[in-house]
Amino acid sequence: AFDYKAGDDILLQIVNRIHIIFGED
């Protein structure tokens, strides 16, 4: 629908949410 930058932005949000759920470490 968009481009690879939009895809990377979504993946980065997912990564940082996972750290919020399970901890920074």
mmCIF file of all heavy atoms, coordinates in Angstrom:
data_MODEL
# 
_entry.id   MODEL 
# 
loop_
_atom_site.group_PDB 
_atom_site.id 
_atom_site.type_symbol 
_atom_site.label_atom_id 
_atom_site.label_alt_id 
_atom_site.label_comp_id 
_atom_site.label_asym_id 
_atom_site.label_entity_id 
_atom_site.label_seq_id 
_atom_site.pdbx_PDB_ins_code 
_atom_site.Cartn_x 
_atom_site.Cartn_y 
_atom_site.Cartn_z 
_atom_site.occupancy 
_atom_site.B_iso_or_equiv 
_atom_site.pdbx_formal_charge 
_atom_site.auth_seq_id 
_atom_site.auth_comp_id 
_atom_site.auth_asym_id 
_atom_site.auth_atom_id 
_atom_site.pdbx_PDB_model_num 
ATOM 1   N N   . ALA A 1 1  ? 0.814  -1.214  0.000  1.00 0.00 ? 1  ALA A N   1 
ATOM 2   C CA  . ALA A 1 1  ? 0.000  0.000   0.000  1.00 0.00 ? 1  ALA A CA  1 
ATOM 3   C C   . ALA A 1 1  ? 0.849  1.266   0.000  1.00 0.00 ? 1  ALA A C   1 
ATOM 4   O O   . ALA A 1 1  ? 0.461  2.283   -0.585 1.00 0.00 ? 1  ALA A O   1 
ATOM 5   C CB  . ALA A 1 1  ? -0.936 0.002   1.206  1.00 0.00 ? 1  ALA A CB  1 
ATOM 6   N N   . PHE A 1 2  ? 2.028  1.198   0.641  1.00 0.00 ? 2  PHE A N   1 
ATOM 7   C CA  . PHE A 1 2  ? 2.857  2.401   0.758  1.00 0.00 ? 2  PHE A CA  1 
ATOM 8   C C   . PHE A 1 2  ? 4.253  2.136   0.168  1.00 0.00 ? 2  PHE A C   1 
ATOM 9   O O   . PHE A 1 2  ? 4.400  1.959   -1.015 1.00 0.00 ? 2  PHE A O   1 
ATOM 10  C CB  . PHE A 1 2  ? 2.931  2.849   2.218  1.00 0.00 ? 2  PHE A CB  1 
ATOM 11  C CG  . PHE A 1 2  ? 1.579  3.180   2.791  1.00 0.00 ? 2  PHE A CG  1 
ATOM 12  C CD1 . PHE A 1 2  ? 0.960  2.322   3.682  1.00 0.00 ? 2  PHE A CD1 1 
ATOM 13  C CD2 . PHE A 1 2  ? 0.921  4.350   2.430  1.00 0.00 ? 2  PHE A CD2 1 
ATOM 14  C CE1 . PHE A 1 2  ? -0.294 2.617   4.204  1.00 0.00 ? 2  PHE A CE1 1 
ATOM 15  C CE2 . PHE A 1 2  ? -0.336 4.658   2.944  1.00 0.00 ? 2  PHE A CE2 1 
ATOM 16  C CZ  . PHE A 1 2  ? -0.941 3.784   3.834  1.00 0.00 ? 2  PHE A CZ  1 
ATOM 17  N N   . ASP A 1 3  ? 5.255  2.059   1.017  1.00 0.00 ? 3  ASP A N   1 
ATOM 18  C CA  . ASP A 1 3  ? 6.611  1.791   0.548  1.00 0.00 ? 3  ASP A CA  1 
ATOM 19  C C   . ASP A 1 3  ? 7.381  1.145   1.690  1.00 0.00 ? 3  ASP A C   1 
ATOM 20  O O   . ASP A 1 3  ? 6.851  0.908   2.778  1.00 0.00 ? 3  ASP A O   1 
ATOM 21  C CB  . ASP A 1 3  ? 7.306  3.064   0.067  1.00 0.00 ? 3  ASP A CB  1 
ATOM 22  C CG  . ASP A 1 3  ? 7.288  4.167   1.125  1.00 0.00 ? 3  ASP A CG  1 
ATOM 23  O OD1 . ASP A 1 3  ? 7.174  3.838   2.324  1.00 0.00 ? 3  ASP A OD1 1 
ATOM 24  O OD2 . ASP A 1 3  ? 7.374  5.346   0.768  1.00 0.00 ? 3  ASP A OD2 1 
ATOM 25  N N   . TYR A 1 4  ? 8.662  0.861   1.439  1.00 0.00 ? 4  TYR A N   1 
ATOM 26  C CA  . TYR A 1 4  ? 9.429  0.149   2.461  1.00 0.00 ? 4  TYR A CA  1 
ATOM 27  C C   . TYR A 1 4  ? 9.637  0.990   3.716  1.00 0.00 ? 4  TYR A C   1 
ATOM 28  O O   . TYR A 1 4  ? 9.769  0.450   4.827  1.00 0.00 ? 4  TYR A O   1 
ATOM 29  C CB  . TYR A 1 4  ? 10.784 -0.292  1.890  1.00 0.00 ? 4  TYR A CB  1 
ATOM 30  C CG  . TYR A 1 4  ? 11.816 0.806   1.781  1.00 0.00 ? 4  TYR A CG  1 
ATOM 31  C CD1 . TYR A 1 4  ? 12.724 1.032   2.822  1.00 0.00 ? 4  TYR A CD1 1 
ATOM 32  C CD2 . TYR A 1 4  ? 11.899 1.615   0.660  1.00 0.00 ? 4  TYR A CD2 1 
ATOM 33  C CE1 . TYR A 1 4  ? 13.668 2.030   2.744  1.00 0.00 ? 4  TYR A CE1 1 
ATOM 34  C CE2 . TYR A 1 4  ? 12.842 2.614   0.571  1.00 0.00 ? 4  TYR A CE2 1 
ATOM 35  C CZ  . TYR A 1 4  ? 13.729 2.821   1.611  1.00 0.00 ? 4  TYR A CZ  1 
ATOM 36  O OH  . TYR A 1 4  ? 14.661 3.820   1.529  1.00 0.00 ? 4  TYR A OH  1 
ATOM 37  N N   . LYS A 1 5  ? 9.651  2.323   3.560  1.00 0.00 ? 5  LYS A N   1 
ATOM 38  C CA  . LYS A 1 5  ? 9.816  3.175   4.739  1.00 0.00 ? 5  LYS A CA  1 
ATOM 39  C C   . LYS A 1 5  ? 8.627  3.034   5.672  1.00 0.00 ? 5  LYS A C   1 
ATOM 40  O O   . LYS A 1 5  ? 8.783  2.997   6.900  1.00 0.00 ? 5  LYS A O   1 
ATOM 41  C CB  . LYS A 1 5  ? 10.002 4.631   4.310  1.00 0.00 ? 5  LYS A CB  1 
ATOM 42  C CG  . LYS A 1 5  ? 11.337 4.905   3.634  1.00 0.00 ? 5  LYS A CG  1 
ATOM 43  C CD  . LYS A 1 5  ? 11.490 6.385   3.301  1.00 0.00 ? 5  LYS A CD  1 
ATOM 44  C CE  . LYS A 1 5  ? 12.836 6.659   2.657  1.00 0.00 ? 5  LYS A CE  1 
ATOM 45  N NZ  . LYS A 1 5  ? 12.993 8.092   2.293  1.00 0.00 ? 5  LYS A NZ  1 
ATOM 46  N N   . ALA A 1 6  ? 7.421  2.979   5.097  1.00 0.00 ? 6  ALA A N   1 
ATOM 47  C CA  . ALA A 1 6  ? 6.230  2.773   5.915  1.00 0.00 ? 6  ALA A CA  1 
ATOM 48  C C   . ALA A 1 6  ? 6.277  1.414   6.590  1.00 0.00 ? 6  ALA A C   1 
ATOM 49  O O   . ALA A 1 6  ? 5.908  1.264   7.768  1.00 0.00 ? 6  ALA A O   1 
ATOM 50  C CB  . ALA A 1 6  ? 4.970  2.891   5.049  1.00 0.00 ? 6  ALA A CB  1 
ATOM 51  N N   . GLY A 1 7  ? 6.757  0.409   5.860  1.00 0.00 ? 7  GLY A N   1 
ATOM 52  C CA  . GLY A 1 7  ? 6.903  -0.928  6.447  1.00 0.00 ? 7  GLY A CA  1 
ATOM 53  C C   . GLY A 1 7  ? 7.880  -0.924  7.599  1.00 0.00 ? 7  GLY A C   1 
ATOM 54  O O   . GLY A 1 7  ? 7.623  -1.514  8.660  1.00 0.00 ? 7  GLY A O   1 
ATOM 55  N N   . ASP A 1 8  ? 9.019  -0.262  7.416  1.00 0.00 ? 8  ASP A N   1 
ATOM 56  C CA  . ASP A 1 8  ? 10.012 -0.180  8.493  1.00 0.00 ? 8  ASP A CA  1 
ATOM 57  C C   . ASP A 1 8  ? 9.454  0.552   9.711  1.00 0.00 ? 8  ASP A C   1 
ATOM 58  O O   . ASP A 1 8  ? 9.749  0.210   10.860 1.00 0.00 ? 8  ASP A O   1 
ATOM 59  C CB  . ASP A 1 8  ? 11.271 0.530   7.997  1.00 0.00 ? 8  ASP A CB  1 
ATOM 60  C CG  . ASP A 1 8  ? 12.153 -0.372  7.133  1.00 0.00 ? 8  ASP A CG  1 
ATOM 61  O OD1 . ASP A 1 8  ? 11.791 -1.559  6.968  1.00 0.00 ? 8  ASP A OD1 1 
ATOM 62  O OD2 . ASP A 1 8  ? 13.182 0.103   6.635  1.00 0.00 ? 8  ASP A OD2 1 
ATOM 63  N N   . ASP A 1 9  ? 8.648  1.576   9.458  1.00 0.00 ? 9  ASP A N   1 
ATOM 64  C CA  . ASP A 1 9  ? 8.042  2.329   10.561 1.00 0.00 ? 9  ASP A CA  1 
ATOM 65  C C   . ASP A 1 9  ? 7.120  1.437   11.389 1.00 0.00 ? 9  ASP A C   1 
ATOM 66  O O   . ASP A 1 9  ? 7.155  1.458   12.629 1.00 0.00 ? 9  ASP A O   1 
ATOM 67  C CB  . ASP A 1 9  ? 7.271  3.523   10.003 1.00 0.00 ? 9  ASP A CB  1 
ATOM 68  C CG  . ASP A 1 9  ? 6.596  4.334   11.109 1.00 0.00 ? 9  ASP A CG  1 
ATOM 69  O OD1 . ASP A 1 9  ? 7.279  4.694   12.083 1.00 0.00 ? 9  ASP A OD1 1 
ATOM 70  O OD2 . ASP A 1 9  ? 5.377  4.579   10.997 1.00 0.00 ? 9  ASP A OD2 1 
ATOM 71  N N   . ILE A 1 10 ? 6.312  0.606   10.708 1.00 0.00 ? 10 ILE A N   1 
ATOM 72  C CA  . ILE A 1 10 ? 5.420  -0.323  11.412 1.00 0.00 ? 10 ILE A CA  1 
ATOM 73  C C   . ILE A 1 10 ? 6.241  -1.334  12.215 1.00 0.00 ? 10 ILE A C   1 
ATOM 74  O O   . ILE A 1 10 ? 5.944  -1.608  13.389 1.00 0.00 ? 10 ILE A O   1 
ATOM 75  C CB  . ILE A 1 10 ? 4.493  -1.047  10.418 1.00 0.00 ? 10 ILE A CB  1 
ATOM 76  C CG1 . ILE A 1 10 ? 3.413  -0.096  9.899  1.00 0.00 ? 10 ILE A CG1 1 
ATOM 77  C CG2 . ILE A 1 10 ? 3.850  -2.281  11.055 1.00 0.00 ? 10 ILE A CG2 1 
ATOM 78  C CD1 . ILE A 1 10 ? 2.393  0.321   10.933 1.00 0.00 ? 10 ILE A CD1 1 
ATOM 79  N N   . LEU A 1 11 ? 7.261  -1.897  11.603 1.00 0.00 ? 11 LEU A N   1 
ATOM 80  C CA  . LEU A 1 11 ? 8.081  -2.891  12.302 1.00 0.00 ? 11 LEU A CA  1 
ATOM 81  C C   . LEU A 1 11 ? 8.768  -2.285  13.524 1.00 0.00 ? 11 LEU A C   1 
ATOM 82  O O   . LEU A 1 11 ? 8.868  -2.933  14.575 1.00 0.00 ? 11 LEU A O   1 
ATOM 83  C CB  . LEU A 1 11 ? 9.122  -3.479  11.349 1.00 0.00 ? 11 LEU A CB  1 
ATOM 84  C CG  . LEU A 1 11 ? 8.590  -4.350  10.209 1.00 0.00 ? 11 LEU A CG  1 
ATOM 85  C CD1 . LEU A 1 11 ? 9.727  -4.821  9.323  1.00 0.00 ? 11 LEU A CD1 1 
ATOM 86  C CD2 . LEU A 1 11 ? 7.828  -5.565  10.762 1.00 0.00 ? 11 LEU A CD2 1 
ATOM 87  N N   . LEU A 1 12 ? 9.234  -1.041  13.390 1.00 0.00 ? 12 LEU A N   1 
ATOM 88  C CA  . LEU A 1 12 ? 9.886  -0.385  14.518 1.00 0.00 ? 12 LEU A CA  1 
ATOM 89  C C   . LEU A 1 12 ? 8.899  -0.162  15.664 1.00 0.00 ? 12 LEU A C   1 
ATOM 90  O O   . LEU A 1 12 ? 9.242  -0.366  16.845 1.00 0.00 ? 12 LEU A O   1 
ATOM 91  C CB  . LEU A 1 12 ? 10.481 0.947   14.066 1.00 0.00 ? 12 LEU A CB  1 
ATOM 92  C CG  . LEU A 1 12 ? 11.341 1.689   15.090 1.00 0.00 ? 12 LEU A CG  1 
ATOM 93  C CD1 . LEU A 1 12 ? 12.533 0.834   15.519 1.00 0.00 ? 12 LEU A CD1 1 
ATOM 94  C CD2 . LEU A 1 12 ? 11.828 3.021   14.514 1.00 0.00 ? 12 LEU A CD2 1 
ATOM 95  N N   . GLN A 1 13 ? 7.668  0.207   15.326 1.00 0.00 ? 13 GLN A N   1 
ATOM 96  C CA  . GLN A 1 13 ? 6.641  0.352   16.363 1.00 0.00 ? 13 GLN A CA  1 
ATOM 97  C C   . GLN A 1 13 ? 6.368  -0.982  17.056 1.00 0.00 ? 13 GLN A C   1 
ATOM 98  O O   . GLN A 1 13 ? 6.198  -1.040  18.278 1.00 0.00 ? 13 GLN A O   1 
ATOM 99  C CB  . GLN A 1 13 ? 5.341  0.890   15.746 1.00 0.00 ? 13 GLN A CB  1 
ATOM 100 C CG  . GLN A 1 13 ? 5.415  2.322   15.250 1.00 0.00 ? 13 GLN A CG  1 
ATOM 101 C CD  . GLN A 1 13 ? 4.066  2.787   14.714 1.00 0.00 ? 13 GLN A CD  1 
ATOM 102 O OE1 . GLN A 1 13 ? 3.061  2.760   15.424 1.00 0.00 ? 13 GLN A OE1 1 
ATOM 103 N NE2 . GLN A 1 13 ? 4.045  3.224   13.459 1.00 0.00 ? 13 GLN A NE2 1 
ATOM 104 N N   . ILE A 1 14 ? 6.326  -2.046  16.278 1.00 0.00 ? 14 ILE A N   1 
ATOM 105 C CA  . ILE A 1 14 ? 6.089  -3.381  16.853 1.00 0.00 ? 14 ILE A CA  1 
ATOM 106 C C   . ILE A 1 14 ? 7.209  -3.747  17.814 1.00 0.00 ? 14 ILE A C   1 
ATOM 107 O O   . ILE A 1 14 ? 6.967  -4.221  18.935 1.00 0.00 ? 14 ILE A O   1 
ATOM 108 C CB  . ILE A 1 14 ? 5.963  -4.428  15.730 1.00 0.00 ? 14 ILE A CB  1 
ATOM 109 C CG1 . ILE A 1 14 ? 4.653  -4.236  14.968 1.00 0.00 ? 14 ILE A CG1 1 
ATOM 110 C CG2 . ILE A 1 14 ? 6.053  -5.852  16.302 1.00 0.00 ? 14 ILE A CG2 1 
ATOM 111 C CD1 . ILE A 1 14 ? 4.512  -5.108  13.738 1.00 0.00 ? 14 ILE A CD1 1 
ATOM 112 N N   . VAL A 1 15 ? 8.450  -3.524  17.397 1.00 0.00 ? 15 VAL A N   1 
ATOM 113 C CA  . VAL A 1 15 ? 9.610  -3.842  18.242 1.00 0.00 ? 15 VAL A CA  1 
ATOM 114 C C   . VAL A 1 15 ? 9.535  -3.103  19.569 1.00 0.00 ? 15 VAL A C   1 
ATOM 115 O O   . VAL A 1 15 ? 9.714  -3.687  20.651 1.00 0.00 ? 15 VAL A O   1 
ATOM 116 C CB  . VAL A 1 15 ? 10.919 -3.491  17.505 1.00 0.00 ? 15 VAL A CB  1 
ATOM 117 C CG1 . VAL A 1 15 ? 12.094 -3.477  18.472 1.00 0.00 ? 15 VAL A CG1 1 
ATOM 118 C CG2 . VAL A 1 15 ? 11.175 -4.488  16.378 1.00 0.00 ? 15 VAL A CG2 1 
ATOM 119 N N   . ASN A 1 16 ? 9.273  -1.825  19.513 1.00 0.00 ? 16 ASN A N   1 
ATOM 120 C CA  . ASN A 1 16 ? 9.258  -1.033  20.745 1.00 0.00 ? 16 ASN A CA  1 
ATOM 121 C C   . ASN A 1 16 ? 8.068  -1.372  21.634 1.00 0.00 ? 16 ASN A C   1 
ATOM 122 O O   . ASN A 1 16 ? 8.166  -1.323  22.862 1.00 0.00 ? 16 ASN A O   1 
ATOM 123 C CB  . ASN A 1 16 ? 9.287  0.461   20.405 1.00 0.00 ? 16 ASN A CB  1 
ATOM 124 C CG  . ASN A 1 16 ? 10.666 0.909   19.950 1.00 0.00 ? 16 ASN A CG  1 
ATOM 125 O OD1 . ASN A 1 16 ? 11.667 0.546   20.564 1.00 0.00 ? 16 ASN A OD1 1 
ATOM 126 N ND2 . ASN A 1 16 ? 10.731 1.679   18.871 1.00 0.00 ? 16 ASN A ND2 1 
ATOM 127 N N   . ARG A 1 17 ? 6.949  -1.758  21.023 1.00 0.00 ? 17 ARG A N   1 
ATOM 128 C CA  . ARG A 1 17 ? 5.821  -2.230  21.844 1.00 0.00 ? 17 ARG A CA  1 
ATOM 129 C C   . ARG A 1 17 ? 6.161  -3.544  22.540 1.00 0.00 ? 17 ARG A C   1 
ATOM 130 O O   . ARG A 1 17 ? 5.764  -3.756  23.692 1.00 0.00 ? 17 ARG A O   1 
ATOM 131 C CB  . ARG A 1 17 ? 4.580  -2.411  20.977 1.00 0.00 ? 17 ARG A CB  1 
ATOM 132 C CG  . ARG A 1 17 ? 3.830  -1.137  20.674 1.00 0.00 ? 17 ARG A CG  1 
ATOM 133 C CD  . ARG A 1 17 ? 2.395  -1.476  20.342 1.00 0.00 ? 17 ARG A CD  1 
ATOM 134 N NE  . ARG A 1 17 ? 1.634  -0.365  19.824 1.00 0.00 ? 17 ARG A NE  1 
ATOM 135 C CZ  . ARG A 1 17 ? 0.342  -0.433  19.540 1.00 0.00 ? 17 ARG A CZ  1 
ATOM 136 N NH1 . ARG A 1 17 ? -0.308 -1.575  19.716 1.00 0.00 ? 17 ARG A NH1 1 
ATOM 137 N NH2 . ARG A 1 17 ? -0.302 0.612   19.072 1.00 0.00 ? 17 ARG A NH2 1 
ATOM 138 N N   . ILE A 1 18 ? 6.850  -4.427  21.836 1.00 0.00 ? 18 ILE A N   1 
ATOM 139 C CA  . ILE A 1 18 ? 7.237  -5.701  22.453 1.00 0.00 ? 18 ILE A CA  1 
ATOM 140 C C   . ILE A 1 18 ? 8.117  -5.444  23.670 1.00 0.00 ? 18 ILE A C   1 
ATOM 141 O O   . ILE A 1 18 ? 7.983  -6.111  24.709 1.00 0.00 ? 18 ILE A O   1 
ATOM 142 C CB  . ILE A 1 18 ? 7.956  -6.598  21.419 1.00 0.00 ? 18 ILE A CB  1 
ATOM 143 C CG1 . ILE A 1 18 ? 6.946  -7.117  20.392 1.00 0.00 ? 18 ILE A CG1 1 
ATOM 144 C CG2 . ILE A 1 18 ? 8.654  -7.767  22.105 1.00 0.00 ? 18 ILE A CG2 1 
ATOM 145 C CD1 . ILE A 1 18 ? 7.570  -7.909  19.257 1.00 0.00 ? 18 ILE A CD1 1 
ATOM 146 N N   . HIS A 1 19 ? 9.010  -4.460  23.570 1.00 0.00 ? 19 HIS A N   1 
ATOM 147 C CA  . HIS A 1 19 ? 9.853  -4.131  24.733 1.00 0.00 ? 19 HIS A CA  1 
ATOM 148 C C   . HIS A 1 19 ? 9.013  -3.552  25.874 1.00 0.00 ? 19 HIS A C   1 
ATOM 149 O O   . HIS A 1 19 ? 9.303  -3.790  27.047 1.00 0.00 ? 19 HIS A O   1 
ATOM 150 C CB  . HIS A 1 19 ? 10.947 -3.146  24.326 1.00 0.00 ? 19 HIS A CB  1 
ATOM 151 C CG  . HIS A 1 19 ? 12.179 -3.806  23.783 1.00 0.00 ? 19 HIS A CG  1 
ATOM 152 N ND1 . HIS A 1 19 ? 12.966 -4.648  24.543 1.00 0.00 ? 19 HIS A ND1 1 
ATOM 153 C CD2 . HIS A 1 19 ? 12.737 -3.765  22.556 1.00 0.00 ? 19 HIS A CD2 1 
ATOM 154 C CE1 . HIS A 1 19 ? 13.978 -5.078  23.805 1.00 0.00 ? 19 HIS A CE1 1 
ATOM 155 N NE2 . HIS A 1 19 ? 13.870 -4.566  22.592 1.00 0.00 ? 19 HIS A NE2 1 
ATOM 156 N N   . ILE A 1 20 ? 7.974  -2.806  25.540 1.00 0.00 ? 20 ILE A N   1 
ATOM 157 C CA  . ILE A 1 20 ? 7.083  -2.281  26.586 1.00 0.00 ? 20 ILE A CA  1 
ATOM 158 C C   . ILE A 1 20 ? 6.376  -3.438  27.299 1.00 0.00 ? 20 ILE A C   1 
ATOM 159 O O   . ILE A 1 20 ? 6.228  -3.450  28.527 1.00 0.00 ? 20 ILE A O   1 
ATOM 160 C CB  . ILE A 1 20 ? 6.055  -1.300  25.978 1.00 0.00 ? 20 ILE A CB  1 
ATOM 161 C CG1 . ILE A 1 20 ? 6.757  -0.035  25.502 1.00 0.00 ? 20 ILE A CG1 1 
ATOM 162 C CG2 . ILE A 1 20 ? 4.960  -0.965  26.990 1.00 0.00 ? 20 ILE A CG2 1 
ATOM 163 C CD1 . ILE A 1 20 ? 5.859  0.909   24.718 1.00 0.00 ? 20 ILE A CD1 1 
ATOM 164 N N   . ILE A 1 21 ? 5.956  -4.436  26.512 1.00 0.00 ? 21 ILE A N   1 
ATOM 165 C CA  . ILE A 1 21 ? 5.219  -5.574  27.088 1.00 0.00 ? 21 ILE A CA  1 
ATOM 166 C C   . ILE A 1 21 ? 6.122  -6.420  27.969 1.00 0.00 ? 21 ILE A C   1 
ATOM 167 O O   . ILE A 1 21 ? 5.777  -6.773  29.103 1.00 0.00 ? 21 ILE A O   1 
ATOM 168 C CB  . ILE A 1 21 ? 4.635  -6.454  25.964 1.00 0.00 ? 21 ILE A CB  1 
ATOM 169 C CG1 . ILE A 1 21 ? 3.663  -5.658  25.100 1.00 0.00 ? 21 ILE A CG1 1 
ATOM 170 C CG2 . ILE A 1 21 ? 3.926  -7.670  26.545 1.00 0.00 ? 21 ILE A CG2 1 
ATOM 171 C CD1 . ILE A 1 21 ? 3.283  -6.384  23.816 1.00 0.00 ? 21 ILE A CD1 1 
ATOM 172 N N   . PHE A 1 22 ? 7.307  -6.762  27.454 1.00 0.00 ? 22 PHE A N   1 
ATOM 173 C CA  . PHE A 1 22 ? 8.144  -7.771  28.127 1.00 0.00 ? 22 PHE A CA  1 
ATOM 174 C C   . PHE A 1 22 ? 9.390  -7.205  28.802 1.00 0.00 ? 22 PHE A C   1 
ATOM 175 O O   . PHE A 1 22 ? 10.169 -7.961  29.394 1.00 0.00 ? 22 PHE A O   1 
ATOM 176 C CB  . PHE A 1 22 ? 8.560  -8.850  27.122 1.00 0.00 ? 22 PHE A CB  1 
ATOM 177 C CG  . PHE A 1 22 ? 7.397  -9.607  26.543 1.00 0.00 ? 22 PHE A CG  1 
ATOM 178 C CD1 . PHE A 1 22 ? 7.148  -9.598  25.183 1.00 0.00 ? 22 PHE A CD1 1 
ATOM 179 C CD2 . PHE A 1 22 ? 6.551  -10.347 27.355 1.00 0.00 ? 22 PHE A CD2 1 
ATOM 180 C CE1 . PHE A 1 22 ? 6.080  -10.307 24.637 1.00 0.00 ? 22 PHE A CE1 1 
ATOM 181 C CE2 . PHE A 1 22 ? 5.478  -11.047 26.834 1.00 0.00 ? 22 PHE A CE2 1 
ATOM 182 C CZ  . PHE A 1 22 ? 5.240  -11.023 25.464 1.00 0.00 ? 22 PHE A CZ  1 
ATOM 183 N N   . GLY A 1 23 ? 9.607  -5.903  28.693 1.00 0.00 ? 23 GLY A N   1 
ATOM 184 C CA  . GLY A 1 23 ? 10.719 -5.303  29.421 1.00 0.00 ? 23 GLY A CA  1 
ATOM 185 C C   . GLY A 1 23 ? 11.857 -4.869  28.516 1.00 0.00 ? 23 GLY A C   1 
ATOM 186 O O   . GLY A 1 23 ? 12.110 -5.444  27.454 1.00 0.00 ? 23 GLY A O   1 
ATOM 187 N N   . GLU A 1 24 ? 12.540 -3.821  28.956 1.00 0.00 ? 24 GLU A N   1 
ATOM 188 C CA  . GLU A 1 24 ? 13.649 -3.261  28.186 1.00 0.00 ? 24 GLU A CA  1 
ATOM 189 C C   . GLU A 1 24 ? 14.803 -4.245  28.030 1.00 0.00 ? 24 GLU A C   1 
ATOM 190 O O   . GLU A 1 24 ? 15.560 -4.173  27.066 1.00 0.00 ? 24 GLU A O   1 
ATOM 191 C CB  . GLU A 1 24 ? 14.144 -1.983  28.885 1.00 0.00 ? 24 GLU A CB  1 
ATOM 192 C CG  . GLU A 1 24 ? 13.148 -0.838  28.869 1.00 0.00 ? 24 GLU A CG  1 
ATOM 193 C CD  . GLU A 1 24 ? 13.028 -0.202  27.505 1.00 0.00 ? 24 GLU A CD  1 
ATOM 194 O OE1 . GLU A 1 24 ? 14.033 0.269   26.968 1.00 0.00 ? 24 GLU A OE1 1 
ATOM 195 O OE2 . GLU A 1 24 ? 11.906 -0.195  26.954 1.00 0.00 ? 24 GLU A OE2 1 
ATOM 196 N N   . ASP A 1 25 ? 14.969 -5.160  28.968 1.00 0.00 ? 25 ASP A N   1 
ATOM 197 C CA  . ASP A 1 25 ? 16.114 -6.079  28.946 1.00 0.00 ? 25 ASP A CA  1 
ATOM 198 C C   . ASP A 1 25 ? 15.843 -7.349  28.141 1.00 0.00 ? 25 ASP A C   1 
ATOM 199 O O   . ASP A 1 25 ? 16.680 -8.252  28.107 1.00 0.00 ? 25 ASP A O   1 
ATOM 200 C CB  . ASP A 1 25 ? 16.503 -6.473  30.383 1.00 0.00 ? 25 ASP A CB  1 
ATOM 201 C CG  . ASP A 1 25 ? 16.987 -5.264  31.183 1.00 0.00 ? 25 ASP A CG  1 
ATOM 202 O OD1 . ASP A 1 25 ? 17.545 -4.338  30.563 1.00 0.00 ? 25 ASP A OD1 1 
ATOM 203 O OD2 . ASP A 1 25 ? 16.796 -5.251  32.416 1.00 0.00 ? 25 ASP A OD2 1 
# 
